[in-house]
Amino acid sequence: KASSMVVKVMAQTLEKTREPTSTVAPLNPDNVALLEQEGLTLKPLDPIGVEIYGSDVRNQLPEPAIKALEEEMANRGFIVFKHQAGLSPDELIEACKWWGGREIHSTHGVHPATPGRNRHIFRCSNDGRQGILG
């Protein structure tokens, strides 16, 4: 009976240590409110990242919205702008310049499936036919 009690206590201890502990910050309510004023919707991804709906990245957002998105990107790991079909390689590059030094300095290889074989677009995939494995 004592041995089954020890096993039960050990099992409960293991269950507690296996519980996921997220270190990713939740969305900042002030950022969400500001971005909603711009017509955007944010959906947190689990365990990291956030999807952005309602934006056409062909049209640059106001600077406060870009700063809010930058903060969410830093806190959540990455952001994904959903429903951006038909972007040209140059339009994609221009949207990427919203952050950082406003310039692109690419140091990676170019996958054959990259649109326009643009050296500034990095295609990462778990399928080598679709992008660089990563």
N, C-alpha and C. Protein backbone atom coordinates (compact mmCIF):
# COMPACT_ATOMS: atom_id res chain seq x y z
N LYS A 1 0.83 -1.19 0.00
CA LYS A 1 0.00 0.00 0.00
C LYS A 1 0.88 1.26 0.00
N ALA A 2 1.94 1.24 0.77
CA ALA A 2 2.84 2.40 0.82
C ALA A 2 3.52 2.62 -0.53
N SER A 3 3.87 1.53 -1.23
CA SER A 3 4.53 1.68 -2.53
C SER A 3 3.59 2.27 -3.56
N SER A 4 2.29 1.90 -3.50
CA SER A 4 1.35 2.48 -4.45
C SER A 4 1.14 3.97 -4.17
N MET A 5 1.22 4.35 -2.90
CA MET A 5 1.10 5.76 -2.53
C MET A 5 2.29 6.55 -3.07
N VAL A 6 3.48 6.01 -2.99
CA VAL A 6 4.69 6.66 -3.51
C VAL A 6 4.57 6.82 -5.03
N VAL A 7 4.11 5.78 -5.72
CA VAL A 7 3.95 5.84 -7.17
C VAL A 7 2.93 6.92 -7.53
N LYS A 8 1.83 6.98 -6.79
CA LYS A 8 0.80 7.98 -7.06
C LYS A 8 1.35 9.39 -6.86
N VAL A 9 2.08 9.63 -5.80
CA VAL A 9 2.68 10.94 -5.52
C VAL A 9 3.69 11.29 -6.61
N MET A 10 4.50 10.30 -7.04
CA MET A 10 5.47 10.55 -8.10
C MET A 10 4.76 10.89 -9.41
N ALA A 11 3.67 10.19 -9.72
CA ALA A 11 2.92 10.46 -10.94
C ALA A 11 2.33 11.86 -10.90
N GLN A 12 1.78 12.28 -9.77
CA GLN A 12 1.22 13.62 -9.64
C GLN A 12 2.32 14.67 -9.80
N THR A 13 3.50 14.40 -9.24
CA THR A 13 4.63 15.33 -9.37
C THR A 13 5.04 15.46 -10.83
N LEU A 14 5.13 14.33 -11.53
CA LEU A 14 5.48 14.37 -12.95
C LEU A 14 4.46 15.15 -13.76
N GLU A 15 3.17 14.96 -13.47
CA GLU A 15 2.13 15.70 -14.18
C GLU A 15 2.30 17.20 -13.99
N LYS A 16 2.61 17.61 -12.78
CA LYS A 16 2.79 19.03 -12.50
C LYS A 16 3.99 19.60 -13.23
N THR A 17 5.07 18.83 -13.32
CA THR A 17 6.27 19.35 -13.99
C THR A 17 6.11 19.38 -15.49
N ARG A 18 5.17 18.64 -16.06
CA ARG A 18 4.97 18.61 -17.50
C ARG A 18 4.00 19.68 -17.99
N GLU A 19 3.33 20.36 -17.08
CA GLU A 19 2.40 21.40 -17.50
C GLU A 19 3.15 22.46 -18.28
N PRO A 20 2.61 22.87 -19.43
CA PRO A 20 3.31 23.90 -20.21
C PRO A 20 3.31 25.23 -19.47
N THR A 21 4.42 25.88 -19.54
CA THR A 21 4.54 27.20 -18.94
C THR A 21 4.91 28.18 -20.05
N SER A 22 3.96 28.97 -20.46
CA SER A 22 4.17 29.90 -21.56
C SER A 22 4.96 31.11 -21.07
N THR A 23 5.99 31.44 -21.82
CA THR A 23 6.76 32.65 -21.52
C THR A 23 6.44 33.74 -22.53
N VAL A 24 5.46 33.49 -23.40
CA VAL A 24 5.08 34.47 -24.41
C VAL A 24 4.02 35.39 -23.80
N ALA A 25 4.26 36.67 -23.95
CA ALA A 25 3.35 37.66 -23.39
C ALA A 25 2.01 37.64 -24.12
N PRO A 26 0.92 37.90 -23.41
CA PRO A 26 -0.36 38.04 -24.09
C PRO A 26 -0.36 39.32 -24.92
N LEU A 27 -1.33 39.46 -25.80
CA LEU A 27 -1.44 40.68 -26.59
C LEU A 27 -1.63 41.88 -25.67
N ASN A 28 -1.00 42.98 -26.02
CA ASN A 28 -1.13 44.22 -25.25
C ASN A 28 -2.47 44.85 -25.61
N PRO A 29 -3.37 45.02 -24.63
CA PRO A 29 -4.71 45.57 -24.91
C PRO A 29 -4.67 46.96 -25.58
N ASP A 30 -3.68 47.78 -25.23
CA ASP A 30 -3.56 49.10 -25.85
C ASP A 30 -3.22 48.97 -27.33
N ASN A 31 -2.33 48.03 -27.65
CA ASN A 31 -1.99 47.79 -29.05
C ASN A 31 -3.19 47.27 -29.82
N VAL A 32 -3.92 46.33 -29.20
CA VAL A 32 -5.10 45.76 -29.85
C VAL A 32 -6.11 46.86 -30.16
N ALA A 33 -6.36 47.74 -29.20
CA ALA A 33 -7.32 48.83 -29.40
C ALA A 33 -6.87 49.76 -30.52
N LEU A 34 -5.60 50.13 -30.52
CA LEU A 34 -5.08 51.01 -31.56
C LEU A 34 -5.20 50.36 -32.94
N LEU A 35 -4.85 49.08 -33.03
CA LEU A 35 -4.89 48.38 -34.31
C LEU A 35 -6.32 48.14 -34.78
N GLU A 36 -7.23 47.92 -33.83
CA GLU A 36 -8.64 47.78 -34.21
C GLU A 36 -9.19 49.08 -34.79
N GLN A 37 -8.70 50.23 -34.31
CA GLN A 37 -9.10 51.52 -34.88
C GLN A 37 -8.67 51.63 -36.34
N GLU A 38 -7.61 50.91 -36.72
CA GLU A 38 -7.13 50.90 -38.11
C GLU A 38 -7.83 49.81 -38.94
N GLY A 39 -8.79 49.12 -38.32
CA GLY A 39 -9.54 48.09 -39.03
C GLY A 39 -8.90 46.71 -39.01
N LEU A 40 -7.92 46.52 -38.14
CA LEU A 40 -7.22 45.24 -38.06
C LEU A 40 -7.80 44.37 -36.94
N THR A 41 -7.68 43.08 -37.12
CA THR A 41 -8.04 42.10 -36.09
C THR A 41 -6.82 41.25 -35.82
N LEU A 42 -6.53 41.01 -34.54
CA LEU A 42 -5.38 40.20 -34.15
C LEU A 42 -5.86 38.89 -33.54
N LYS A 43 -5.23 37.80 -33.94
CA LYS A 43 -5.56 36.49 -33.39
C LYS A 43 -4.26 35.85 -32.91
N PRO A 44 -4.09 35.70 -31.59
CA PRO A 44 -2.88 35.04 -31.07
C PRO A 44 -2.81 33.59 -31.55
N LEU A 45 -1.63 33.15 -31.90
CA LEU A 45 -1.40 31.76 -32.26
C LEU A 45 -0.79 31.05 -31.07
N ASP A 46 -1.00 29.76 -30.98
CA ASP A 46 -0.49 28.98 -29.86
C ASP A 46 0.59 28.03 -30.36
N PRO A 47 1.79 28.05 -29.83
CA PRO A 47 2.20 28.74 -28.61
C PRO A 47 2.78 30.14 -28.85
N ILE A 48 3.16 30.47 -30.09
CA ILE A 48 3.74 31.80 -30.35
C ILE A 48 3.14 32.38 -31.61
N GLY A 49 3.36 33.66 -31.82
CA GLY A 49 2.93 34.32 -33.05
C GLY A 49 1.56 34.95 -32.94
N VAL A 50 1.22 35.73 -33.95
CA VAL A 50 -0.09 36.37 -34.03
C VAL A 50 -0.45 36.58 -35.50
N GLU A 51 -1.71 36.30 -35.83
CA GLU A 51 -2.22 36.55 -37.18
C GLU A 51 -2.86 37.93 -37.21
N ILE A 52 -2.66 38.63 -38.33
CA ILE A 52 -3.23 39.96 -38.53
C ILE A 52 -4.22 39.88 -39.69
N TYR A 53 -5.46 40.28 -39.44
CA TYR A 53 -6.50 40.29 -40.47
C TYR A 53 -6.92 41.73 -40.73
N GLY A 54 -7.35 42.01 -41.96
CA GLY A 54 -7.93 43.31 -42.28
C GLY A 54 -6.95 44.31 -42.86
N SER A 55 -5.73 43.89 -43.16
CA SER A 55 -4.73 44.81 -43.69
C SER A 55 -4.36 44.41 -45.11
N ASP A 56 -4.13 45.39 -45.94
CA ASP A 56 -3.54 45.18 -47.26
C ASP A 56 -2.17 45.82 -47.18
N VAL A 57 -1.12 45.01 -47.15
CA VAL A 57 0.22 45.54 -46.92
C VAL A 57 0.75 46.36 -48.10
N ARG A 58 -0.04 46.48 -49.16
CA ARG A 58 0.34 47.38 -50.26
C ARG A 58 0.22 48.84 -49.81
N ASN A 59 -0.57 49.06 -48.76
CA ASN A 59 -0.79 50.41 -48.22
C ASN A 59 -0.19 50.47 -46.82
N GLN A 60 0.83 51.29 -46.68
CA GLN A 60 1.52 51.37 -45.39
C GLN A 60 0.58 51.89 -44.32
N LEU A 61 0.67 51.27 -43.17
CA LEU A 61 -0.10 51.68 -42.01
C LEU A 61 0.53 52.93 -41.39
N PRO A 62 -0.24 53.68 -40.59
CA PRO A 62 0.33 54.82 -39.87
C PRO A 62 1.42 54.35 -38.90
N GLU A 63 2.35 55.21 -38.62
CA GLU A 63 3.50 54.87 -37.77
C GLU A 63 3.09 54.31 -36.40
N PRO A 64 2.08 54.86 -35.69
CA PRO A 64 1.70 54.26 -34.40
C PRO A 64 1.24 52.80 -34.55
N ALA A 65 0.56 52.48 -35.63
CA ALA A 65 0.12 51.10 -35.86
C ALA A 65 1.32 50.20 -36.13
N ILE A 66 2.28 50.69 -36.89
CA ILE A 66 3.48 49.91 -37.17
C ILE A 66 4.25 49.65 -35.88
N LYS A 67 4.35 50.67 -35.03
CA LYS A 67 5.03 50.49 -33.73
C LYS A 67 4.30 49.45 -32.88
N ALA A 68 2.96 49.47 -32.88
CA ALA A 68 2.18 48.50 -32.11
C ALA A 68 2.42 47.09 -32.66
N LEU A 69 2.44 46.94 -33.98
CA LEU A 69 2.71 45.64 -34.58
C LEU A 69 4.13 45.17 -34.27
N GLU A 70 5.06 46.11 -34.27
CA GLU A 70 6.45 45.78 -33.95
C GLU A 70 6.56 45.23 -32.53
N GLU A 71 5.84 45.85 -31.60
CA GLU A 71 5.86 45.38 -30.21
C GLU A 71 5.26 43.98 -30.11
N GLU A 72 4.15 43.75 -30.81
CA GLU A 72 3.54 42.42 -30.78
C GLU A 72 4.46 41.38 -31.42
N MET A 73 5.15 41.77 -32.48
CA MET A 73 6.09 40.86 -33.13
C MET A 73 7.22 40.50 -32.15
N ALA A 74 7.72 41.48 -31.43
CA ALA A 74 8.79 41.24 -30.46
C ALA A 74 8.30 40.35 -29.31
N ASN A 75 7.09 40.59 -28.85
CA ASN A 75 6.56 39.84 -27.71
C ASN A 75 6.11 38.43 -28.07
N ARG A 76 5.58 38.24 -29.28
CA ARG A 76 4.98 36.96 -29.66
C ARG A 76 5.85 36.14 -30.61
N GLY A 77 6.95 36.70 -31.10
CA GLY A 77 7.88 35.95 -31.94
C GLY A 77 7.76 36.24 -33.42
N PHE A 78 6.56 36.39 -33.92
CA PHE A 78 6.35 36.73 -35.33
C PHE A 78 4.90 37.15 -35.54
N ILE A 79 4.66 37.83 -36.66
CA ILE A 79 3.29 38.16 -37.06
C ILE A 79 3.10 37.66 -38.49
N VAL A 80 1.85 37.33 -38.80
CA VAL A 80 1.48 36.86 -40.13
C VAL A 80 0.33 37.72 -40.62
N PHE A 81 0.53 38.40 -41.74
CA PHE A 81 -0.55 39.15 -42.36
C PHE A 81 -1.33 38.18 -43.23
N LYS A 82 -2.57 37.92 -42.87
CA LYS A 82 -3.40 36.96 -43.59
C LYS A 82 -4.05 37.62 -44.81
N HIS A 83 -4.35 36.77 -45.80
CA HIS A 83 -5.09 37.17 -47.01
C HIS A 83 -4.36 38.25 -47.80
N GLN A 84 -3.12 37.98 -48.14
CA GLN A 84 -2.30 38.92 -48.91
C GLN A 84 -2.00 38.36 -50.31
N ALA A 85 -2.96 37.70 -50.91
CA ALA A 85 -2.76 37.07 -52.22
C ALA A 85 -2.42 38.11 -53.28
N GLY A 86 -1.57 37.69 -54.21
CA GLY A 86 -1.27 38.54 -55.35
C GLY A 86 -0.21 39.60 -55.13
N LEU A 87 0.48 39.55 -53.99
CA LEU A 87 1.56 40.52 -53.76
C LEU A 87 2.71 40.24 -54.72
N SER A 88 3.25 41.29 -55.30
CA SER A 88 4.46 41.13 -56.11
C SER A 88 5.65 41.03 -55.17
N PRO A 89 6.76 40.50 -55.63
CA PRO A 89 7.95 40.48 -54.77
C PRO A 89 8.32 41.87 -54.25
N ASP A 90 8.22 42.88 -55.10
CA ASP A 90 8.56 44.24 -54.65
C ASP A 90 7.60 44.76 -53.59
N GLU A 91 6.31 44.43 -53.71
CA GLU A 91 5.34 44.86 -52.69
C GLU A 91 5.63 44.18 -51.35
N LEU A 92 6.01 42.92 -51.39
CA LEU A 92 6.37 42.21 -50.17
C LEU A 92 7.60 42.83 -49.52
N ILE A 93 8.59 43.15 -50.32
CA ILE A 93 9.81 43.78 -49.79
C ILE A 93 9.49 45.14 -49.18
N GLU A 94 8.66 45.93 -49.84
CA GLU A 94 8.30 47.25 -49.30
C GLU A 94 7.62 47.12 -47.94
N ALA A 95 6.74 46.14 -47.78
CA ALA A 95 6.07 45.93 -46.48
C ALA A 95 7.10 45.53 -45.41
N CYS A 96 8.09 44.76 -45.79
CA CYS A 96 9.13 44.35 -44.83
C CYS A 96 9.95 45.55 -44.35
N LYS A 97 10.02 46.58 -45.14
CA LYS A 97 10.81 47.76 -44.76
C LYS A 97 10.11 48.63 -43.72
N TRP A 98 8.89 48.28 -43.34
CA TRP A 98 8.21 49.05 -42.30
C TRP A 98 8.96 48.99 -40.98
N TRP A 99 9.78 47.95 -40.78
CA TRP A 99 10.48 47.75 -39.51
C TRP A 99 11.98 47.88 -39.70
N GLY A 100 12.64 48.04 -38.57
CA GLY A 100 14.10 48.06 -38.60
C GLY A 100 14.66 49.31 -39.24
N GLY A 101 15.75 49.15 -39.95
CA GLY A 101 16.45 50.28 -40.54
C GLY A 101 15.88 50.75 -41.86
N ARG A 102 14.72 50.21 -42.24
CA ARG A 102 14.03 50.58 -43.48
C ARG A 102 14.81 50.14 -44.73
N GLU A 103 15.78 49.25 -44.52
CA GLU A 103 16.54 48.68 -45.62
C GLU A 103 16.59 47.17 -45.43
N ILE A 104 16.80 46.46 -46.51
CA ILE A 104 16.91 45.01 -46.46
C ILE A 104 18.36 44.61 -46.74
N HIS A 105 18.91 43.77 -45.88
CA HIS A 105 20.27 43.25 -46.06
C HIS A 105 20.20 41.73 -45.99
N SER A 106 19.96 41.10 -47.11
CA SER A 106 19.76 39.65 -47.14
C SER A 106 21.09 38.91 -47.20
N THR A 107 21.18 37.85 -46.41
CA THR A 107 22.42 37.05 -46.38
C THR A 107 22.13 35.57 -46.58
N HIS A 108 20.96 35.23 -47.07
CA HIS A 108 20.56 33.84 -47.22
C HIS A 108 20.53 33.43 -48.69
N GLY A 109 20.38 32.15 -48.91
CA GLY A 109 20.26 31.63 -50.27
C GLY A 109 18.90 31.92 -50.87
N VAL A 110 18.78 31.70 -52.17
CA VAL A 110 17.51 31.92 -52.87
C VAL A 110 17.01 30.56 -53.35
N HIS A 111 15.81 30.20 -52.93
CA HIS A 111 15.20 28.95 -53.34
C HIS A 111 14.61 29.11 -54.74
N PRO A 112 14.67 28.08 -55.58
CA PRO A 112 14.12 28.17 -56.94
C PRO A 112 12.64 28.56 -56.99
N ALA A 113 11.86 28.28 -55.95
CA ALA A 113 10.44 28.62 -55.95
C ALA A 113 10.18 30.06 -55.49
N THR A 114 11.22 30.80 -55.18
CA THR A 114 11.06 32.17 -54.71
C THR A 114 10.49 33.05 -55.82
N PRO A 115 9.43 33.82 -55.54
CA PRO A 115 8.85 34.69 -56.58
C PRO A 115 9.89 35.63 -57.16
N GLY A 116 10.00 35.60 -58.46
CA GLY A 116 10.94 36.49 -59.14
C GLY A 116 12.39 36.21 -58.80
N ARG A 117 12.64 35.09 -58.12
CA ARG A 117 14.01 34.77 -57.65
C ARG A 117 14.62 35.95 -56.89
N ASN A 118 13.75 36.67 -56.18
CA ASN A 118 14.16 37.86 -55.43
C ASN A 118 15.01 37.44 -54.24
N ARG A 119 16.24 37.93 -54.17
CA ARG A 119 17.17 37.51 -53.11
C ARG A 119 16.76 38.00 -51.72
N HIS A 120 15.82 38.92 -51.66
CA HIS A 120 15.37 39.43 -50.36
C HIS A 120 14.20 38.63 -49.78
N ILE A 121 13.68 37.66 -50.53
CA ILE A 121 12.58 36.85 -50.04
C ILE A 121 13.13 35.49 -49.64
N PHE A 122 12.95 35.15 -48.37
CA PHE A 122 13.44 33.87 -47.85
C PHE A 122 12.27 32.91 -47.73
N ARG A 123 12.31 31.82 -48.46
CA ARG A 123 11.27 30.79 -48.41
C ARG A 123 11.76 29.67 -47.51
N CYS A 124 11.14 29.56 -46.35
CA CYS A 124 11.48 28.50 -45.39
C CYS A 124 10.32 27.51 -45.39
N SER A 125 10.63 26.23 -45.41
CA SER A 125 9.58 25.21 -45.47
C SER A 125 10.08 23.92 -44.88
N ASN A 126 9.13 23.05 -44.54
CA ASN A 126 9.49 21.68 -44.15
C ASN A 126 9.47 20.78 -45.38
N ASP A 127 9.22 21.35 -46.55
CA ASP A 127 9.23 20.64 -47.83
C ASP A 127 10.25 21.32 -48.73
N GLY A 128 11.35 20.64 -49.01
CA GLY A 128 12.42 21.22 -49.81
C GLY A 128 12.00 21.69 -51.19
N ARG A 129 10.88 21.20 -51.70
CA ARG A 129 10.38 21.67 -53.00
C ARG A 129 9.77 23.06 -52.89
N GLN A 130 9.35 23.44 -51.69
CA GLN A 130 8.66 24.71 -51.48
C GLN A 130 9.53 25.80 -50.88
N GLY A 131 10.63 25.42 -50.26
CA GLY A 131 11.49 26.40 -49.61
C GLY A 131 12.71 25.74 -49.03
N ILE A 132 13.57 26.57 -48.49
CA ILE A 132 14.78 26.08 -47.83
C ILE A 132 14.36 25.41 -46.53
N LEU A 133 14.86 24.22 -46.31
CA LEU A 133 14.48 23.49 -45.09
C LEU A 133 14.95 24.23 -43.86
N GLY A 134 14.09 24.33 -42.87
CA GLY A 134 14.49 25.06 -41.69
C GLY A 134 13.68 24.83 -40.51
